[in-house]
Amino acid sequence: MNILLITSDQQRWDTLGRINSTISTPNLDRLADRGVLFERAYTVNPVCTPTRCSILTSEYPSRHGCFHVGTSLPEDYGPTVAHRFSDAGYNTSLIGKSHFQACKDPASIESAPKVHDLDHFDDWFGPYFGFDHSEMVIGHTSEPHASGMHYGAWLRKQGIDLPQYFDIHHYDHFGPWALPLECHGSAWVADRSIAAIDRAKEEDKPFFLWSSFQDPHNPYVTPEPWASMYEGSAMQDPIETPELDQLPDFYQSLAAGDYYGDDPELQHKAWGDVKVRPELSATDIRSLRAVYFGMVSLMDHHIGRILDRLEADGTIDDTLIVFASDHGDYLGDHGLWGKGLPTYESAQRVPFIVAHPQVSDPGKKSQALQSLVDIGTTCLDAAGLDPLEKGQGVSQSRPWIDPTEKVRDHCLLEFRPAQGPFKQQSFIESQFKLVVYETRDYGELYDLDADPSQSKNLYDDPEYEKVRQDLEEKYCKASQGNDLVRERHAIA
């Protein structure tokens, strides 16, 4: 069985046409028609590097060690999921954004100045973390960092003046982008993914292909006509800010524009990419959301080209296709932008579609909980290969084939702003979300059935004391397999 893993970057769970009629994603809808659309899928960490390394290793960040963007997975780490497929005789390729290493460490191949050595990337194509062939990029849309590595080398061959188009340093910029449509990163990922499929066919090998798109991550820019595909007036308004006095102190500090507050363990630490943007008017917010939707639809167009290639010769009938994003984007919900420490669904929950060749009832939606840490384990299982010895994921083969099946009763998310004792974990069941903080007395508890927007924190509500105690006990048992030290008094 061939394995195709397609990922986006910072895509909200609700930006699929099968879920939200405001957005057009005909090709992701087409993929859902072939398989199962899972509506309750969660990241393992709402930041790029930890989650991508978890997909690669089937381990939580607390075990593989990459807990934030500034960390790196050692190049000899392994075996990874890609190693296992390569050793089994698969043609293995990584196309697009990797982000397994720090993007601000000069010693990292994924950081400046190395990413801008385009002559190097003209000749080097791996191996990289178990992938025999790699064509990579780091960064997003119009920022200078995004014009490096293999994508930058390819752009140079197309005659693109890189500083002319990759010159926006303001991460929150939004609007049209003058880059020629055929040179967009999504077009390049699709082109090179199709070439990887062709290469595997020429070698008469099954393939394990990770097609990793960069959008819809900020800066929120995209070429026309996609930038104007949606009207701002048609966009839904963000979820309103909840009652902050019920939340941990840092929520109030953040809402006031004080990103560090009075907590010494959060001062001058990385929170992810979460921020407030009081300068945006209601019209600006809707206009930005419209461009974000256009970014998703452009990416969907190029995902369709990959599906077309698989359908052209029937390869799709022997291919397990998984689509997911690494994390979401607050996109103005609760007054926040980006992703990070605040535990809202818009950042923690992700779109998730699986088209398994053996699916029993294609086109269905499922409420079965999915975690990104399970992807590698399940893909190996589908190929008849053993799971990784250190892997912490579970096989989702049954729900991927039969949408009425469920194998998980919870999902676990980790967040660690920086080296130190401050750690956050979210424990999510079908109805409730419990958030615990090591070395802190505060916490969060939400009834996602009654309050999906998480407007009311029930953690200190006397009526929910028994619910909280039961969830804390379940959380303690579920998290024993992780490598975080349990110090919190309530579950000592």
Protein backbone atom coordinates (compact mmCIF):
# COMPACT_ATOMS: atom_id res chain seq x y z
CA MET A 1 0.00 0.00 0.00
CA ASN A 2 1.26 3.47 -0.88
CA ILE A 3 1.07 6.12 1.86
CA LEU A 4 0.44 9.80 1.10
CA LEU A 5 0.48 12.19 4.04
CA ILE A 6 -0.67 15.72 3.15
CA THR A 7 -0.29 18.42 5.77
CA SER A 8 -1.12 22.11 5.87
CA ASP A 9 0.29 24.66 8.30
CA GLN A 10 -1.85 26.48 10.85
CA GLN A 11 -5.19 25.54 9.31
CA ARG A 12 -8.30 25.73 11.46
CA TRP A 13 -10.43 22.60 11.80
CA ASP A 14 -13.50 24.43 10.49
CA THR A 15 -12.06 25.47 7.10
CA LEU A 16 -13.38 22.54 5.10
CA GLY A 17 -16.31 22.79 2.72
CA ARG A 18 -17.90 19.68 4.18
CA ILE A 19 -18.06 21.47 7.56
CA ASN A 20 -18.33 25.14 6.63
CA SER A 21 -20.35 26.18 3.59
CA THR A 22 -18.63 29.59 3.49
CA ILE A 23 -15.38 28.09 2.19
CA SER A 24 -14.77 26.20 -1.07
CA THR A 25 -12.50 23.16 -0.77
CA PRO A 26 -13.77 20.88 -3.56
CA ASN A 27 -10.70 18.65 -3.55
CA LEU A 28 -10.55 18.08 0.18
CA ASP A 29 -14.29 17.43 -0.01
CA ARG A 30 -13.57 14.97 -2.80
CA LEU A 31 -11.01 13.27 -0.56
CA ALA A 32 -13.59 13.09 2.23
CA ASP A 33 -16.02 11.49 -0.23
CA ARG A 34 -13.45 8.70 -0.71
CA GLY A 35 -12.93 8.16 3.00
CA VAL A 36 -13.82 9.54 6.43
CA LEU A 37 -13.88 13.11 7.72
CA PHE A 38 -12.95 13.10 11.40
CA GLU A 39 -14.45 16.10 13.18
CA ARG A 40 -12.66 15.62 16.51
CA ALA A 41 -8.94 15.59 15.71
CA TYR A 42 -6.31 17.29 17.87
CA THR A 43 -2.70 18.29 17.61
CA VAL A 44 -0.21 17.16 20.28
CA ASN A 45 1.20 20.67 20.68
CA PRO A 46 -0.11 23.92 19.14
CA VAL A 47 3.31 24.84 17.67
CA CYS A 48 4.95 23.67 14.44
CA THR A 49 8.21 21.94 15.43
CA PRO A 50 6.93 19.80 18.33
CA THR A 51 3.96 18.53 16.35
CA ARG A 52 5.86 17.78 13.16
CA CYS A 53 8.48 15.89 15.15
CA SER A 54 5.67 13.94 16.83
CA ILE A 55 4.27 12.94 13.43
CA LEU A 56 7.76 11.85 12.39
CA THR A 57 8.57 9.90 15.57
CA SER A 58 5.14 8.81 16.92
CA GLU A 59 6.25 10.30 20.25
CA TYR A 60 4.96 13.17 22.34
CA PRO A 61 7.19 16.26 22.57
CA SER A 62 8.05 15.44 26.19
CA ARG A 63 9.76 12.30 24.91
CA HIS A 64 11.39 13.37 21.64
CA GLY A 65 12.54 16.61 23.29
CA CYS A 66 11.40 19.23 20.77
CA PHE A 67 9.00 21.20 22.92
CA HIS A 68 9.09 24.52 21.07
CA VAL A 69 10.10 26.22 17.81
CA GLY A 70 13.61 26.96 19.09
CA THR A 71 14.43 23.28 19.64
CA SER A 72 15.83 20.73 17.19
CA LEU A 73 15.48 17.01 16.70
CA PRO A 74 19.03 15.57 16.54
CA GLU A 75 19.87 14.50 13.00
CA ASP A 76 20.71 10.98 14.20
CA TYR A 77 17.38 10.62 16.02
CA GLY A 78 15.62 7.45 15.16
CA PRO A 79 14.42 5.30 13.88
CA THR A 80 11.67 7.56 12.57
CA VAL A 81 8.55 6.55 10.69
CA ALA A 82 10.40 7.41 7.47
CA HIS A 83 13.32 5.16 8.45
CA ARG A 84 10.92 2.26 8.94
CA PHE A 85 9.37 2.74 5.49
CA SER A 86 12.75 3.18 3.80
CA ASP A 87 14.06 0.01 5.43
CA ALA A 88 10.98 -1.83 4.15
CA GLY A 89 11.84 -0.93 0.55
CA TYR A 90 9.55 2.07 0.12
CA ASN A 91 10.44 5.09 -1.96
CA THR A 92 10.36 7.79 0.74
CA SER A 93 10.10 11.51 -0.01
CA LEU A 94 9.59 14.68 2.03
CA ILE A 95 8.30 17.57 -0.07
CA GLY A 96 7.70 21.04 1.38
CA LYS A 97 7.94 22.36 4.91
CA SER A 98 9.91 20.20 7.32
CA HIS A 99 10.59 22.22 10.52
CA PHE A 100 12.21 19.37 12.41
CA GLN A 101 15.00 21.71 13.48
CA ALA A 102 15.28 25.21 14.92
CA CYS A 103 14.69 27.92 12.34
CA LYS A 104 16.71 30.52 14.29
CA ASP A 105 19.84 28.49 15.03
CA PRO A 106 22.70 29.24 12.58
CA ALA A 107 23.92 25.66 13.00
CA SER A 108 20.63 24.27 11.67
CA ILE A 109 20.16 23.46 8.00
CA GLU A 110 16.64 24.91 8.42
CA SER A 111 17.91 28.32 9.52
CA ALA A 112 19.73 31.29 8.05
CA PRO A 113 22.32 31.56 6.71
CA LYS A 114 22.22 27.92 5.55
CA VAL A 115 18.73 28.10 4.05
CA HIS A 116 19.93 30.79 1.62
CA ASP A 117 22.83 28.72 0.25
CA LEU A 118 20.84 27.92 -2.88
CA ASP A 119 23.84 26.35 -4.63
CA HIS A 120 23.87 23.70 -1.89
CA PHE A 121 20.20 22.92 -2.37
CA ASP A 122 20.68 22.65 -6.12
CA ASP A 123 22.70 19.48 -5.47
CA TRP A 124 21.60 18.06 -2.10
CA PHE A 125 18.38 16.07 -1.76
CA GLY A 126 18.88 14.09 1.42
CA PRO A 127 18.71 11.70 3.09
CA TYR A 128 17.00 13.57 5.91
CA PHE A 129 15.54 11.98 9.06
CA GLY A 130 14.87 8.72 7.22
CA PHE A 131 13.54 10.20 3.99
CA ASP A 132 15.68 9.08 1.06
CA HIS A 133 14.68 12.14 -0.95
CA SER A 134 13.94 15.62 0.40
CA GLU A 135 12.96 18.89 -1.25
CA MET A 136 12.28 21.38 1.51
CA VAL A 137 11.36 24.90 2.48
CA ILE A 138 11.03 26.73 5.76
CA GLY A 139 9.17 29.93 6.51
CA HIS A 140 5.86 31.16 5.16
CA THR A 141 4.51 33.05 2.15
CA SER A 142 6.29 36.39 1.66
CA GLU A 143 8.83 36.42 4.48
CA PRO A 144 12.49 36.34 3.27
CA HIS A 145 13.14 33.05 5.09
CA ALA A 146 10.59 31.35 2.81
CA SER A 147 12.66 31.95 -0.32
CA GLY A 148 15.39 29.53 0.67
CA MET A 149 16.25 25.84 0.55
CA HIS A 150 14.99 23.77 -2.40
CA TYR A 151 12.02 26.06 -3.05
CA GLY A 152 14.31 29.06 -3.31
CA ALA A 153 16.67 27.21 -5.64
CA TRP A 154 13.69 26.30 -7.83
CA LEU A 155 12.41 29.89 -7.83
CA ARG A 156 15.83 31.09 -8.94
CA LYS A 157 15.66 28.71 -11.90
CA GLN A 158 12.28 30.22 -12.80
CA GLY A 159 13.92 33.64 -13.01
CA ILE A 160 12.19 35.01 -9.90
CA ASP A 161 13.82 38.05 -8.29
CA LEU A 162 13.59 36.76 -4.72
CA PRO A 163 13.90 40.10 -2.82
CA GLN A 164 11.10 41.55 -4.97
CA TYR A 165 8.51 39.08 -3.73
CA PHE A 166 9.90 37.80 -0.42
CA ASP A 167 10.32 41.08 1.40
CA ILE A 168 7.52 41.31 3.96
CA HIS A 169 8.96 41.17 7.45
CA HIS A 170 5.70 42.09 9.18
CA TYR A 171 4.28 38.71 10.20
CA ASP A 172 0.73 40.02 10.49
CA HIS A 173 0.53 41.52 7.00
CA PHE A 174 -2.52 40.46 4.96
CA GLY A 175 -3.79 41.00 1.45
CA PRO A 176 -2.87 40.25 -2.19
CA TRP A 177 0.62 39.05 -3.11
CA ALA A 178 2.20 39.85 -6.48
CA LEU A 179 4.11 36.56 -6.78
CA PRO A 180 3.23 34.83 -10.09
CA LEU A 181 0.59 32.21 -9.40
CA GLU A 182 2.58 29.40 -11.00
CA CYS A 183 5.49 30.10 -8.62
CA HIS A 184 3.48 29.92 -5.41
CA GLY A 185 4.74 27.49 -2.77
CA SER A 186 1.59 25.36 -3.03
CA ALA A 187 2.16 24.96 -6.78
CA TRP A 188 5.75 23.89 -6.11
CA VAL A 189 4.76 21.34 -3.44
CA ALA A 190 2.22 19.81 -5.81
CA ASP A 191 4.68 19.76 -8.73
CA ARG A 192 7.39 18.04 -6.71
CA SER A 193 4.94 15.64 -5.06
CA ILE A 194 3.74 14.51 -8.47
CA ALA A 195 7.37 14.04 -9.50
CA ALA A 196 7.96 11.91 -6.40
CA ILE A 197 4.98 9.70 -7.27
CA ASP A 198 6.33 9.32 -10.81
CA ARG A 199 9.79 8.48 -9.47
CA ALA A 200 8.40 5.71 -7.26
CA LYS A 201 6.51 4.26 -10.21
CA GLU A 202 9.66 4.28 -12.34
CA GLU A 203 11.49 2.41 -9.57
CA ASP A 204 8.55 0.00 -9.21
CA LYS A 205 8.35 0.71 -5.49
CA PRO A 206 5.51 1.66 -3.16
CA PHE A 207 5.89 5.18 -1.81
CA PHE A 208 5.71 6.94 1.52
CA LEU A 209 5.30 10.60 0.57
CA TRP A 210 4.87 13.53 2.95
CA SER A 211 3.51 16.49 0.96
CA SER A 212 3.85 19.40 3.37
CA PHE A 213 2.14 22.64 2.35
CA GLN A 214 3.09 25.96 4.02
CA ASP A 215 -0.31 27.67 3.90
CA PRO A 216 -2.45 29.13 5.43
CA HIS A 217 0.19 30.33 7.92
CA ASN A 218 0.75 34.07 8.32
CA PRO A 219 1.82 36.44 6.76
CA TYR A 220 -1.70 36.17 5.38
CA VAL A 221 -0.98 36.91 1.72
CA THR A 222 -1.82 35.06 -1.49
CA PRO A 223 -1.90 35.84 -5.23
CA GLU A 224 -4.99 36.90 -7.11
CA PRO A 225 -7.63 35.77 -7.88
CA TRP A 226 -7.49 33.80 -4.63
CA ALA A 227 -6.86 36.88 -2.47
CA SER A 228 -10.22 38.30 -3.58
CA MET A 229 -12.11 35.02 -3.79
CA TYR A 230 -14.10 35.78 -0.62
CA GLU A 231 -15.82 38.93 0.54
CA GLY A 232 -15.00 40.13 4.02
CA SER A 233 -18.67 40.79 4.62
CA ALA A 234 -19.37 37.06 4.19
CA MET A 235 -16.96 36.06 6.95
CA GLN A 236 -18.20 34.96 10.33
CA ASP A 237 -17.24 37.22 13.23
CA PRO A 238 -14.72 35.83 15.74
CA ILE A 239 -15.84 34.19 18.96
CA GLU A 240 -16.12 36.83 21.67
CA THR A 241 -13.66 37.11 24.53
CA PRO A 242 -14.73 34.96 27.52
CA GLU A 243 -15.00 35.98 31.17
CA LEU A 244 -11.32 36.49 31.92
CA ASP A 245 -11.68 36.56 35.70
CA GLN A 246 -12.43 32.81 35.60
CA LEU A 247 -9.20 32.03 33.76
CA PRO A 248 -5.55 31.72 34.81
CA ASP A 249 -3.79 35.06 35.31
CA PHE A 250 -1.86 34.96 32.06
CA TYR A 251 -5.09 35.22 30.03
CA GLN A 252 -5.78 38.60 31.59
CA SER A 253 -2.19 39.76 31.08
CA LEU A 254 -2.35 38.71 27.45
CA ALA A 255 -5.66 40.48 26.82
CA ALA A 256 -4.11 43.67 28.24
CA GLY A 257 -1.22 43.43 25.79
CA ASP A 258 1.25 42.38 28.49
CA TYR A 259 2.67 39.19 27.03
CA TYR A 260 4.58 38.21 30.14
CA GLY A 261 2.54 39.38 33.12
CA ASP A 262 3.82 38.93 36.65
CA ASP A 263 4.72 35.26 36.37
CA PRO A 264 8.55 35.03 36.38
CA GLU A 265 8.46 31.69 34.55
CA LEU A 266 6.64 33.28 31.62
CA GLN A 267 8.58 36.53 31.41
CA HIS A 268 10.66 36.78 28.25
CA LYS A 269 9.70 33.25 27.26
CA ALA A 270 8.21 32.01 24.00
CA TRP A 271 4.47 31.46 24.20
CA GLY A 272 4.12 30.18 20.68
CA ASP A 273 2.97 32.86 18.27
CA VAL A 274 -0.05 34.09 20.21
CA LYS A 275 -0.74 37.80 20.21
CA VAL A 276 -3.47 40.39 20.47
CA ARG A 277 -4.07 42.91 17.68
CA PRO A 278 -6.16 45.79 19.01
CA GLU A 279 -5.29 47.88 15.94
CA LEU A 280 -7.54 45.75 13.73
CA SER A 281 -11.06 47.03 13.14
CA ALA A 282 -14.00 44.68 12.69
CA THR A 283 -13.74 45.26 8.94
CA ASP A 284 -10.01 44.44 8.98
CA ILE A 285 -10.66 41.21 10.84
CA ARG A 286 -13.24 40.06 8.31
CA SER A 287 -10.96 41.06 5.41
CA LEU A 288 -8.05 39.11 6.92
CA ARG A 289 -10.25 36.08 7.43
CA ALA A 290 -11.31 36.31 3.77
CA VAL A 291 -7.68 36.20 2.61
CA TYR A 292 -7.02 33.26 4.96
CA PHE A 293 -9.90 31.39 3.32
CA GLY A 294 -8.40 32.22 -0.08
CA MET A 295 -5.08 30.72 1.02
CA VAL A 296 -6.85 27.49 1.96
CA SER A 297 -8.73 27.36 -1.36
CA LEU A 298 -5.53 27.91 -3.37
CA MET A 299 -3.86 25.06 -1.48
CA ASP A 300 -6.93 22.89 -2.07
CA HIS A 301 -6.60 23.53 -5.81
CA HIS A 302 -3.07 22.12 -5.83
CA ILE A 303 -4.00 19.18 -3.59
CA GLY A 304 -6.50 18.40 -6.35
CA ARG A 305 -3.64 18.17 -8.85
CA ILE A 306 -1.98 15.49 -6.71
CA LEU A 307 -5.25 13.56 -6.49
CA ASP A 308 -5.65 13.89 -10.28
CA ARG A 309 -2.21 12.29 -10.75
CA LEU A 310 -3.13 9.38 -8.49
CA GLU A 311 -6.43 8.87 -10.28
CA ALA A 312 -4.90 9.04 -13.77
CA ASP A 313 -3.44 5.53 -13.63
CA GLY A 314 -5.45 4.05 -10.76
CA THR A 315 -2.68 4.47 -8.17
CA ILE A 316 -5.19 6.08 -5.83
CA ASP A 317 -6.91 2.71 -5.36
CA ASP A 318 -3.77 1.38 -3.67
CA THR A 319 -2.96 4.51 -1.68
CA LEU A 320 -3.79 5.44 1.90
CA ILE A 321 -4.21 9.23 1.95
CA VAL A 322 -4.16 11.21 5.20
CA PHE A 323 -4.79 14.96 5.35
CA ALA A 324 -4.22 17.01 8.51
CA SER A 325 -2.81 20.29 9.77
CA ASP A 326 -0.14 20.67 12.44
CA HIS A 327 -2.29 23.07 14.52
CA GLY A 328 -4.95 25.73 14.09
CA ASP A 329 -5.13 29.52 14.29
CA TYR A 330 -7.16 31.64 16.72
CA LEU A 331 -7.78 34.03 13.81
CA GLY A 332 -9.31 36.64 16.09
CA ASP A 333 -11.31 34.24 18.26
CA HIS A 334 -11.26 35.41 21.90
CA GLY A 335 -9.28 38.45 20.78
CA LEU A 336 -6.25 36.29 19.90
CA TRP A 337 -4.18 35.55 16.79
CA GLY A 338 -1.80 32.74 15.92
CA LYS A 339 -1.41 29.82 18.28
CA GLY A 340 0.13 29.02 21.62
CA LEU A 341 -0.64 28.87 25.35
CA PRO A 342 -4.41 29.69 25.43
CA THR A 343 -6.23 26.37 25.12
CA TYR A 344 -9.04 27.19 22.70
CA GLU A 345 -10.32 24.70 20.14
CA SER A 346 -9.45 27.00 17.23
CA ALA A 347 -5.74 26.40 17.92
CA GLN A 348 -5.79 22.86 19.34
CA ARG A 349 -8.24 21.20 16.96
CA VAL A 350 -7.25 20.37 13.38
CA PRO A 351 -8.87 19.27 10.10
CA PHE A 352 -8.44 15.53 9.54
CA ILE A 353 -9.45 13.38 6.57
CA VAL A 354 -8.46 9.80 5.82
CA ALA A 355 -9.12 7.93 2.56
CA HIS A 356 -8.25 4.29 3.21
CA PRO A 357 -8.47 1.89 0.24
CA GLN A 358 -10.43 -0.54 2.42
CA VAL A 359 -12.90 1.98 3.87
CA SER A 360 -16.23 0.29 4.44
CA ASP A 361 -18.57 3.26 4.13
CA PRO A 362 -16.93 6.18 2.29
CA GLY A 363 -18.18 9.73 2.62
CA LYS A 364 -19.09 9.55 6.30
CA LYS A 365 -18.18 11.88 9.14
CA SER A 366 -16.89 10.50 12.42
CA GLN A 367 -16.65 11.77 15.99
CA ALA A 368 -13.89 9.28 16.85
CA LEU A 369 -11.05 11.13 18.58
CA GLN A 370 -7.90 11.42 16.50
CA SER A 371 -4.45 12.55 17.66
CA LEU A 372 -1.61 13.51 15.34
CA VAL A 373 0.73 11.29 17.36
CA ASP A 374 -1.19 8.30 15.93
CA ILE A 375 -0.50 9.04 12.25
CA GLY A 376 2.85 7.26 11.97
CA THR A 377 1.77 4.23 13.99
CA THR A 378 -1.37 3.79 11.89
CA CYS A 379 0.39 4.25 8.55
CA LEU A 380 2.94 1.60 9.53
CA ASP A 381 0.12 -0.71 10.59
CA ALA A 382 -1.68 -0.18 7.29
CA ALA A 383 1.50 -1.19 5.45
CA GLY A 384 1.92 -4.30 7.60
CA LEU A 385 4.99 -2.91 9.37
CA ASP A 386 5.78 -2.98 13.07
CA PRO A 387 5.32 0.19 15.12
CA LEU A 388 8.34 2.10 16.36
CA GLU A 389 9.69 0.73 19.62
CA LYS A 390 9.49 4.09 21.39
CA GLY A 391 6.27 5.14 19.68
CA GLN A 392 3.42 6.37 21.87
CA GLY A 393 0.69 6.51 19.23
CA VAL A 394 -2.10 3.98 18.89
CA SER A 395 -3.25 2.39 15.64
CA GLN A 396 -6.37 4.05 14.25
CA SER A 397 -6.76 1.45 11.49
CA ARG A 398 -10.22 0.39 12.66
CA PRO A 399 -11.79 3.89 12.61
CA TRP A 400 -9.97 4.73 9.37
CA ILE A 401 -11.66 1.73 7.75
CA ASP A 402 -14.97 1.71 9.62
CA PRO A 403 -16.24 5.21 10.57
CA THR A 404 -18.41 3.76 13.34
CA GLU A 405 -15.38 2.47 15.26
CA LYS A 406 -13.47 4.29 18.02
CA VAL A 407 -10.16 3.39 19.67
CA ARG A 408 -9.33 6.51 21.70
CA ASP A 409 -11.18 7.77 24.76
CA HIS A 410 -8.97 10.84 25.15
CA CYS A 411 -6.40 13.06 23.47
CA LEU A 412 -3.43 14.58 25.27
CA LEU A 413 -1.82 17.89 24.32
CA GLU A 414 1.38 19.36 25.74
CA PHE A 415 2.66 22.90 25.79
CA ARG A 416 5.89 24.13 27.31
CA PRO A 417 6.72 27.79 26.66
CA ALA A 418 10.42 27.45 27.49
CA GLN A 419 12.95 25.44 29.43
CA GLY A 420 11.73 25.43 33.01
CA PRO A 421 9.09 24.00 35.34
CA PHE A 422 6.07 25.73 33.76
CA LYS A 423 4.20 23.11 31.73
CA GLN A 424 0.64 22.88 30.47
CA GLN A 425 -1.28 19.77 29.43
CA SER A 426 -4.77 19.46 28.01
CA PHE A 427 -6.71 16.25 28.53
CA ILE A 428 -9.66 15.99 26.15
CA GLU A 429 -12.51 13.49 26.20
CA SER A 430 -15.56 13.49 23.98
CA GLN A 431 -17.37 15.96 26.27
CA PHE A 432 -14.86 17.62 28.60
CA LYS A 433 -11.52 19.37 28.34
CA LEU A 434 -9.31 19.52 31.43
CA VAL A 435 -6.22 21.75 31.44
CA VAL A 436 -3.60 21.32 34.16
CA TYR A 437 -0.50 23.36 34.94
CA GLU A 438 2.43 21.83 36.76
CA THR A 439 3.70 23.95 39.66
CA ARG A 440 0.50 26.05 39.52
CA ASP A 441 -2.76 25.88 41.47
CA TYR A 442 -4.98 27.14 38.67
CA GLY A 443 -6.52 25.08 35.89
CA GLU A 444 -9.25 24.98 33.28
CA LEU A 445 -12.30 22.79 32.71
CA TYR A 446 -14.80 23.08 29.87
CA ASP A 447 -17.93 21.21 28.86
CA LEU A 448 -17.40 21.14 25.09
CA ASP A 449 -20.92 19.84 24.44
CA ALA A 450 -22.69 22.66 26.25
CA ASP A 451 -20.01 25.31 25.65
CA PRO A 452 -18.00 24.59 22.45
CA SER A 453 -16.58 28.14 22.39
CA GLN A 454 -15.11 27.65 25.90
CA SER A 455 -16.70 30.81 27.27
CA LYS A 456 -16.99 29.52 30.85
CA ASN A 457 -14.20 27.92 32.87
CA LEU A 458 -15.75 25.37 35.25
CA TYR A 459 -12.56 24.45 37.06
CA ASP A 460 -13.56 26.05 40.39
CA ASP A 461 -17.30 25.54 39.97
CA PRO A 462 -18.55 23.46 42.97
CA GLU A 463 -21.12 21.72 40.80
CA TYR A 464 -18.32 20.29 38.65
CA GLU A 465 -15.95 19.28 41.45
CA LYS A 466 -16.66 15.55 41.02
CA VAL A 467 -16.27 15.84 37.23
CA ARG A 468 -12.92 17.56 37.71
CA GLN A 469 -11.69 14.95 40.19
CA ASP A 470 -12.66 12.09 37.87
CA LEU A 471 -10.92 13.78 34.92
CA GLU A 472 -7.79 14.45 36.98
CA GLU A 473 -7.61 10.78 37.89
CA LYS A 474 -8.00 9.74 34.25
CA TYR A 475 -5.45 12.33 33.17
CA CYS A 476 -2.93 11.09 35.72
CA LYS A 477 -3.24 7.53 34.44
CA ALA A 478 -3.13 8.56 30.78
CA SER A 479 -0.06 10.75 31.20
CA GLN A 480 2.07 8.21 33.05
CA GLY A 481 3.55 7.08 29.74
CA ASN A 482 4.92 10.56 29.10
CA ASP A 483 8.18 11.85 30.47
CA LEU A 484 6.98 15.01 32.21
CA VAL A 485 7.48 15.11 35.97
CA ARG A 486 4.19 15.33 37.85
CA GLU A 487 4.46 18.06 40.47
CA ARG A 488 1.01 19.55 40.58
CA HIS A 489 -0.47 19.30 44.08
CA ALA A 490 -3.98 18.29 43.07
CA ILE A 491 -2.84 15.12 41.31
CA ALA A 492 0.38 14.34 43.20
